[in-house]
């Protein structure tokens, strides 16, 4: 799987510095999510929108650095959570996610992504992310 990150116009998305992470298998797009961030009560959150038909799934993840590892989680007592937005309605879903991200050496990351539904583990993905030299975010209208 390959991926590229593209800038999204803030006026179109409505959030701070949105970026689309487009993941492909070969030439076929497999997954797209639009990433941003927001701050509440002095805490920074990653704000991820996954476009769905007539709705969006939104993941709000708190960020924390522990012993050189970046921890992202939807579990906590702040804005964290996984939500479904449909029109003017917002529903908190019984899902949770937890990422542990480590830079193994410059330009190389490993990530462990775990998900639960109703508190029961149902998904684990192990990532290896390698930066391609010379590639930066491109502008998208």
N, C-alpha and C. Protein backbone atom coordinates (compact mmCIF):
# COMPACT_ATOMS: atom_id res chain seq x y z
N UNK A 1 0.86 -1.17 0.00
CA UNK A 1 0.00 0.00 0.00
C UNK A 1 0.90 1.22 0.00
N UNK A 2 0.54 2.20 -0.79
CA UNK A 2 1.27 3.47 -0.82
C UNK A 2 0.31 4.57 -0.38
N UNK A 3 0.88 5.68 -0.01
CA UNK A 3 0.04 6.79 0.40
C UNK A 3 0.65 8.11 0.02
N UNK A 4 -0.21 9.08 -0.13
CA UNK A 4 0.25 10.45 -0.35
C UNK A 4 -0.64 11.38 0.45
N UNK A 5 -0.05 12.51 0.83
CA UNK A 5 -0.77 13.49 1.62
C UNK A 5 -0.92 14.75 0.79
N UNK A 6 -2.16 15.25 0.72
CA UNK A 6 -2.45 16.45 -0.07
C UNK A 6 -3.15 17.48 0.80
N UNK A 7 -2.80 18.74 0.57
CA UNK A 7 -3.47 19.83 1.27
C UNK A 7 -4.90 19.95 0.78
N UNK A 8 -5.79 20.29 1.70
CA UNK A 8 -7.20 20.56 1.38
C UNK A 8 -7.47 22.01 1.74
N UNK A 9 -8.22 22.68 0.91
CA UNK A 9 -8.56 24.08 1.16
C UNK A 9 -9.38 24.19 2.44
N UNK A 10 -8.91 24.99 3.39
CA UNK A 10 -9.60 25.19 4.67
C UNK A 10 -11.01 25.71 4.45
N UNK A 11 -11.22 26.51 3.40
CA UNK A 11 -12.56 27.05 3.15
C UNK A 11 -13.53 25.96 2.73
N UNK A 12 -13.02 24.89 2.14
CA UNK A 12 -13.87 23.78 1.72
C UNK A 12 -14.15 22.85 2.90
N UNK A 13 -13.12 22.55 3.69
CA UNK A 13 -13.24 21.59 4.80
C UNK A 13 -13.78 22.25 6.07
N UNK A 14 -13.36 23.49 6.35
CA UNK A 14 -13.82 24.19 7.54
C UNK A 14 -12.99 23.96 8.78
N UNK A 15 -11.93 23.14 8.70
CA UNK A 15 -11.08 22.89 9.87
C UNK A 15 -9.69 23.48 9.62
N UNK A 16 -8.86 23.44 10.64
CA UNK A 16 -7.51 24.02 10.59
C UNK A 16 -6.58 23.13 9.77
N UNK A 17 -5.95 23.69 8.74
CA UNK A 17 -4.94 23.01 7.92
C UNK A 17 -5.29 21.55 7.60
N UNK A 18 -6.43 21.28 7.00
CA UNK A 18 -6.78 19.89 6.70
C UNK A 18 -5.86 19.28 5.64
N UNK A 19 -5.60 17.98 5.80
CA UNK A 19 -4.77 17.22 4.87
C UNK A 19 -5.47 15.90 4.58
N UNK A 20 -5.52 15.51 3.31
CA UNK A 20 -6.07 14.21 2.93
C UNK A 20 -4.93 13.22 2.82
N UNK A 21 -5.07 12.09 3.47
CA UNK A 21 -4.12 10.99 3.33
C UNK A 21 -4.80 9.96 2.45
N UNK A 22 -4.30 9.83 1.24
CA UNK A 22 -4.89 8.95 0.23
C UNK A 22 -4.03 7.69 0.15
N UNK A 23 -4.62 6.54 0.43
CA UNK A 23 -3.89 5.27 0.41
C UNK A 23 -4.37 4.43 -0.76
N UNK A 24 -3.40 3.89 -1.48
CA UNK A 24 -3.70 3.12 -2.69
C UNK A 24 -3.04 1.75 -2.65
N UNK A 25 -3.70 0.81 -3.31
CA UNK A 25 -3.11 -0.49 -3.61
C UNK A 25 -2.99 -0.51 -5.12
N UNK A 26 -1.74 -0.47 -5.60
CA UNK A 26 -1.52 -0.27 -7.03
C UNK A 26 -2.02 1.11 -7.40
N UNK A 27 -2.89 1.19 -8.39
CA UNK A 27 -3.47 2.47 -8.79
C UNK A 27 -4.86 2.70 -8.19
N UNK A 28 -5.39 1.71 -7.47
CA UNK A 28 -6.74 1.78 -6.92
C UNK A 28 -6.74 2.44 -5.53
N UNK A 29 -7.54 3.49 -5.36
CA UNK A 29 -7.67 4.12 -4.05
C UNK A 29 -8.40 3.17 -3.11
N UNK A 30 -7.77 2.89 -1.96
CA UNK A 30 -8.34 1.96 -0.99
C UNK A 30 -8.96 2.68 0.20
N UNK A 31 -8.43 3.86 0.54
CA UNK A 31 -8.87 4.53 1.77
C UNK A 31 -8.46 5.98 1.71
N UNK A 32 -9.37 6.87 2.12
CA UNK A 32 -9.08 8.30 2.21
C UNK A 32 -9.60 8.81 3.54
N UNK A 33 -8.78 9.58 4.24
CA UNK A 33 -9.21 10.24 5.46
C UNK A 33 -8.65 11.66 5.44
N UNK A 34 -9.40 12.59 6.02
CA UNK A 34 -8.97 13.98 6.05
C UNK A 34 -8.63 14.33 7.50
N UNK A 35 -7.39 14.76 7.71
CA UNK A 35 -6.85 14.99 9.04
C UNK A 35 -6.76 16.49 9.34
N UNK A 36 -7.05 16.83 10.58
CA UNK A 36 -6.88 18.18 11.08
C UNK A 36 -6.58 18.07 12.57
N UNK A 37 -6.67 19.20 13.25
CA UNK A 37 -6.47 19.20 14.70
C UNK A 37 -7.31 20.30 15.30
N UNK A 38 -7.54 20.19 16.60
CA UNK A 38 -8.19 21.28 17.32
C UNK A 38 -7.69 21.24 18.76
N UNK A 39 -7.92 22.32 19.48
CA UNK A 39 -7.52 22.43 20.88
C UNK A 39 -8.74 22.69 21.73
N UNK A 40 -8.81 22.00 22.86
CA UNK A 40 -9.85 22.22 23.86
C UNK A 40 -9.17 22.21 25.22
N UNK A 41 -9.39 23.25 25.99
CA UNK A 41 -8.86 23.35 27.36
C UNK A 41 -7.36 23.06 27.41
N UNK A 42 -6.63 23.61 26.44
CA UNK A 42 -5.18 23.47 26.43
C UNK A 42 -4.66 22.13 25.94
N UNK A 43 -5.52 21.25 25.50
CA UNK A 43 -5.11 19.92 25.00
C UNK A 43 -5.33 19.87 23.50
N UNK A 44 -4.36 19.31 22.77
CA UNK A 44 -4.47 19.18 21.32
C UNK A 44 -5.04 17.82 20.96
N UNK A 45 -5.96 17.82 20.03
CA UNK A 45 -6.59 16.59 19.55
C UNK A 45 -6.40 16.47 18.05
N UNK A 46 -6.18 15.25 17.57
CA UNK A 46 -6.20 14.96 16.14
C UNK A 46 -7.67 14.74 15.79
N UNK A 47 -8.08 15.32 14.68
CA UNK A 47 -9.47 15.33 14.27
C UNK A 47 -9.52 14.74 12.86
N UNK A 48 -10.02 13.52 12.73
CA UNK A 48 -9.95 12.76 11.48
C UNK A 48 -11.36 12.52 10.94
N UNK A 49 -11.59 12.87 9.69
CA UNK A 49 -12.89 12.65 9.05
C UNK A 49 -12.73 11.60 7.95
N UNK A 50 -13.59 10.59 8.00
CA UNK A 50 -13.62 9.56 6.97
C UNK A 50 -14.93 9.72 6.20
N UNK A 51 -14.87 10.19 4.97
CA UNK A 51 -16.10 10.40 4.19
C UNK A 51 -16.83 9.08 3.95
N UNK A 52 -18.12 9.08 4.20
CA UNK A 52 -19.01 7.94 3.96
C UNK A 52 -20.20 8.44 3.16
N UNK A 53 -20.96 7.56 2.54
CA UNK A 53 -22.16 8.02 1.83
C UNK A 53 -23.12 8.75 2.79
N UNK A 54 -23.45 9.98 2.48
CA UNK A 54 -24.39 10.81 3.22
C UNK A 54 -23.99 11.08 4.67
N UNK A 55 -22.74 10.80 5.03
CA UNK A 55 -22.30 10.99 6.41
C UNK A 55 -20.77 10.97 6.47
N UNK A 56 -20.25 11.13 7.66
CA UNK A 56 -18.80 11.02 7.91
C UNK A 56 -18.60 10.34 9.25
N UNK A 57 -17.58 9.50 9.32
CA UNK A 57 -17.16 8.98 10.61
C UNK A 57 -16.02 9.87 11.06
N UNK A 58 -16.06 10.29 12.31
CA UNK A 58 -15.07 11.23 12.83
C UNK A 58 -14.37 10.59 14.02
N UNK A 59 -13.05 10.57 13.95
CA UNK A 59 -12.26 10.09 15.07
C UNK A 59 -11.57 11.28 15.73
N UNK A 60 -11.79 11.45 17.01
CA UNK A 60 -11.11 12.49 17.78
C UNK A 60 -10.14 11.76 18.71
N UNK A 61 -8.85 11.98 18.48
CA UNK A 61 -7.81 11.27 19.21
C UNK A 61 -6.98 12.23 20.03
N UNK A 62 -6.74 11.90 21.29
CA UNK A 62 -5.81 12.70 22.10
C UNK A 62 -4.40 12.23 21.78
N UNK A 63 -3.46 13.17 21.86
CA UNK A 63 -2.06 12.88 21.58
C UNK A 63 -1.27 12.94 22.87
N UNK A 64 -0.36 12.00 23.01
CA UNK A 64 0.51 12.00 24.18
C UNK A 64 1.83 11.35 23.80
N UNK A 65 2.93 11.90 24.28
CA UNK A 65 4.25 11.33 24.05
C UNK A 65 4.68 10.65 25.34
N UNK A 66 4.99 9.36 25.24
CA UNK A 66 5.45 8.59 26.39
C UNK A 66 6.72 7.84 26.00
N UNK A 67 7.82 8.19 26.64
CA UNK A 67 9.11 7.53 26.42
C UNK A 67 9.45 7.41 24.93
N UNK A 68 9.29 8.51 24.20
CA UNK A 68 9.64 8.54 22.79
C UNK A 68 8.62 7.94 21.85
N UNK A 69 7.50 7.49 22.39
CA UNK A 69 6.43 6.93 21.57
C UNK A 69 5.28 7.92 21.51
N UNK A 70 4.67 8.04 20.34
CA UNK A 70 3.48 8.86 20.19
C UNK A 70 2.28 7.95 20.40
N UNK A 71 1.44 8.31 21.36
CA UNK A 71 0.23 7.55 21.65
C UNK A 71 -0.96 8.39 21.20
N UNK A 72 -1.81 7.80 20.39
CA UNK A 72 -3.05 8.42 19.94
C UNK A 72 -4.18 7.51 20.40
N UNK A 73 -5.17 8.08 21.08
CA UNK A 73 -6.26 7.25 21.57
C UNK A 73 -7.59 8.00 21.55
N UNK A 74 -8.64 7.24 21.31
CA UNK A 74 -9.99 7.82 21.36
C UNK A 74 -10.62 7.63 22.73
N UNK A 75 -9.86 7.04 23.66
CA UNK A 75 -10.38 6.81 25.01
C UNK A 75 -9.88 7.90 25.94
N UNK A 76 -10.76 8.48 26.71
CA UNK A 76 -10.39 9.53 27.64
C UNK A 76 -11.62 10.28 28.11
N UNK A 77 -11.40 11.37 28.82
CA UNK A 77 -12.52 12.11 29.41
C UNK A 77 -12.72 13.48 28.75
N UNK A 78 -12.03 13.74 27.63
CA UNK A 78 -12.18 15.01 26.94
C UNK A 78 -13.02 14.85 25.68
N UNK A 79 -12.53 15.42 24.58
CA UNK A 79 -13.24 15.36 23.30
C UNK A 79 -13.12 14.00 22.61
N UNK A 80 -12.23 13.13 23.11
CA UNK A 80 -11.94 11.88 22.44
C UNK A 80 -13.20 11.08 22.16
N UNK A 81 -13.12 10.31 21.06
CA UNK A 81 -14.22 9.41 20.74
C UNK A 81 -14.31 9.18 19.25
N UNK A 82 -15.15 8.24 18.88
CA UNK A 82 -15.45 7.94 17.48
C UNK A 82 -16.92 8.28 17.28
N UNK A 83 -17.19 9.09 16.28
CA UNK A 83 -18.53 9.64 16.07
C UNK A 83 -19.00 9.42 14.64
N UNK A 84 -20.29 9.41 14.45
CA UNK A 84 -20.91 9.41 13.13
C UNK A 84 -21.66 10.72 12.99
N UNK A 85 -21.34 11.48 11.95
CA UNK A 85 -22.02 12.74 11.67
C UNK A 85 -22.88 12.54 10.42
N UNK A 86 -24.17 12.83 10.57
CA UNK A 86 -25.10 12.73 9.45
C UNK A 86 -25.97 13.98 9.48
N UNK A 87 -25.77 14.85 8.50
CA UNK A 87 -26.49 16.11 8.51
C UNK A 87 -26.12 16.91 9.75
N UNK A 88 -27.11 17.32 10.53
CA UNK A 88 -26.88 18.09 11.75
C UNK A 88 -26.75 17.20 12.99
N UNK A 89 -26.79 15.89 12.80
CA UNK A 89 -26.77 14.96 13.93
C UNK A 89 -25.37 14.38 14.13
N UNK A 90 -25.00 14.20 15.40
CA UNK A 90 -23.71 13.63 15.76
C UNK A 90 -23.96 12.55 16.80
N UNK A 91 -23.50 11.32 16.50
CA UNK A 91 -23.71 10.19 17.38
C UNK A 91 -22.36 9.62 17.81
N UNK A 92 -22.18 9.39 19.10
CA UNK A 92 -20.97 8.73 19.59
C UNK A 92 -21.14 7.23 19.38
N UNK A 93 -20.15 6.61 18.73
CA UNK A 93 -20.21 5.18 18.43
C UNK A 93 -19.52 4.36 19.51
N UNK A 94 -19.89 3.09 19.66
CA UNK A 94 -19.27 2.22 20.67
C UNK A 94 -17.94 1.64 20.20
N UNK A 95 -17.15 2.47 19.54
CA UNK A 95 -15.85 2.07 19.02
C UNK A 95 -14.76 2.83 19.76
N UNK A 96 -13.57 2.23 19.82
CA UNK A 96 -12.40 2.95 20.32
C UNK A 96 -11.18 2.50 19.54
N UNK A 97 -10.20 3.40 19.45
CA UNK A 97 -8.94 3.08 18.79
C UNK A 97 -7.78 3.55 19.62
N UNK A 98 -6.67 2.86 19.43
CA UNK A 98 -5.44 3.18 20.15
C UNK A 98 -4.27 2.91 19.21
N UNK A 99 -3.43 3.93 19.02
CA UNK A 99 -2.24 3.80 18.18
C UNK A 99 -1.00 4.01 19.05
N UNK A 100 0.02 3.23 18.78
CA UNK A 100 1.35 3.45 19.34
C UNK A 100 2.29 3.60 18.15
N UNK A 101 2.93 4.78 18.04
CA UNK A 101 3.77 5.09 16.88
C UNK A 101 5.19 5.33 17.37
N UNK A 102 6.14 4.69 16.71
CA UNK A 102 7.55 4.79 17.09
C UNK A 102 8.38 5.09 15.84
N UNK A 103 9.28 6.06 15.96
CA UNK A 103 10.24 6.29 14.89
C UNK A 103 11.42 5.35 15.13
N UNK A 104 11.58 4.36 14.24
CA UNK A 104 12.65 3.39 14.40
C UNK A 104 13.99 3.96 13.96
N UNK A 105 13.99 4.76 12.92
CA UNK A 105 15.11 5.60 12.52
C UNK A 105 14.57 6.64 11.55
N UNK A 106 15.37 7.65 11.25
CA UNK A 106 14.89 8.81 10.49
C UNK A 106 14.13 8.39 9.23
N UNK A 107 12.88 8.87 9.15
CA UNK A 107 12.04 8.60 7.98
C UNK A 107 11.35 7.25 8.02
N UNK A 108 11.49 6.49 9.11
CA UNK A 108 10.88 5.17 9.24
C UNK A 108 10.08 5.10 10.54
N UNK A 109 8.80 4.78 10.40
CA UNK A 109 7.93 4.65 11.57
C UNK A 109 7.33 3.25 11.61
N UNK A 110 7.05 2.78 12.82
CA UNK A 110 6.18 1.62 12.98
C UNK A 110 4.99 2.10 13.78
N UNK A 111 3.85 1.50 13.52
CA UNK A 111 2.64 1.87 14.25
C UNK A 111 1.83 0.61 14.52
N UNK A 112 1.27 0.55 15.70
CA UNK A 112 0.36 -0.52 16.07
C UNK A 112 -1.00 0.14 16.30
N UNK A 113 -2.00 -0.31 15.56
CA UNK A 113 -3.35 0.25 15.61
C UNK A 113 -4.28 -0.84 16.12
N UNK A 114 -4.94 -0.58 17.25
CA UNK A 114 -5.89 -1.53 17.82
C UNK A 114 -7.25 -0.87 17.92
N UNK A 115 -8.30 -1.64 17.59
CA UNK A 115 -9.66 -1.14 17.71
C UNK A 115 -10.51 -2.09 18.54
N UNK A 116 -11.50 -1.50 19.22
CA UNK A 116 -12.47 -2.27 20.01
C UNK A 116 -13.87 -1.80 19.64
N UNK A 117 -14.82 -2.72 19.75
CA UNK A 117 -16.24 -2.38 19.63
C UNK A 117 -16.91 -2.90 20.90
N UNK A 118 -17.66 -2.04 21.58
CA UNK A 118 -18.26 -2.37 22.88
C UNK A 118 -17.20 -2.90 23.84
N UNK A 119 -15.96 -2.40 23.74
CA UNK A 119 -14.88 -2.81 24.63
C UNK A 119 -14.22 -4.13 24.26
N UNK A 120 -14.66 -4.77 23.18
CA UNK A 120 -14.11 -6.06 22.76
C UNK A 120 -13.15 -5.85 21.59
N UNK A 121 -11.89 -6.28 21.71
CA UNK A 121 -10.93 -6.12 20.61
C UNK A 121 -11.43 -6.83 19.35
N UNK A 122 -11.33 -6.13 18.19
CA UNK A 122 -11.74 -6.76 16.94
C UNK A 122 -10.81 -6.50 15.77
N UNK A 123 -9.82 -5.61 15.94
CA UNK A 123 -8.93 -5.30 14.83
C UNK A 123 -7.55 -4.91 15.35
N UNK A 124 -6.52 -5.41 14.66
CA UNK A 124 -5.14 -5.02 14.94
C UNK A 124 -4.45 -4.88 13.60
N UNK A 125 -3.81 -3.72 13.40
CA UNK A 125 -3.05 -3.48 12.17
C UNK A 125 -1.65 -3.04 12.58
N UNK A 126 -0.65 -3.68 12.00
CA UNK A 126 0.75 -3.28 12.20
C UNK A 126 1.20 -2.56 10.94
N UNK A 127 1.68 -1.33 11.11
CA UNK A 127 2.11 -0.50 9.99
C UNK A 127 3.63 -0.35 10.01
N UNK A 128 4.20 -0.26 8.83
CA UNK A 128 5.55 0.25 8.63
C UNK A 128 5.40 1.40 7.65
N UNK A 129 5.82 2.57 8.05
CA UNK A 129 5.66 3.76 7.21
C UNK A 129 7.04 4.28 6.89
N UNK A 130 7.32 4.39 5.59
CA UNK A 130 8.63 4.84 5.12
C UNK A 130 8.44 6.08 4.27
N UNK A 131 9.14 7.14 4.64
CA UNK A 131 9.06 8.40 3.91
C UNK A 131 9.78 8.28 2.58
N UNK A 132 9.10 8.73 1.52
CA UNK A 132 9.75 8.83 0.22
C UNK A 132 10.46 10.17 0.16
N UNK A 133 11.71 10.18 -0.23
CA UNK A 133 12.46 11.45 -0.27
C UNK A 133 11.92 12.36 -1.36
N UNK A 134 11.90 13.67 -1.02
CA UNK A 134 11.51 14.71 -1.99
C UNK A 134 10.02 14.91 -2.15
N UNK A 135 9.19 14.15 -1.42
CA UNK A 135 7.75 14.32 -1.55
C UNK A 135 7.21 15.16 -0.41
N UNK A 136 6.43 16.16 -0.75
CA UNK A 136 5.77 17.00 0.24
C UNK A 136 4.31 17.10 -0.09
N UNK A 137 3.48 17.65 0.78
CA UNK A 137 2.06 17.79 0.50
C UNK A 137 1.82 18.63 -0.75
N UNK A 138 0.88 18.18 -1.55
CA UNK A 138 0.49 18.92 -2.75
C UNK A 138 -0.82 19.65 -2.47
N UNK A 139 -1.06 20.71 -3.21
CA UNK A 139 -2.30 21.47 -3.04
C UNK A 139 -3.45 20.77 -3.73
N UNK A 140 -4.59 20.70 -3.05
CA UNK A 140 -5.82 20.18 -3.61
C UNK A 140 -6.88 21.25 -3.42
N UNK A 141 -7.62 21.57 -4.49
CA UNK A 141 -8.61 22.62 -4.52
C UNK A 141 -9.58 22.57 -3.44
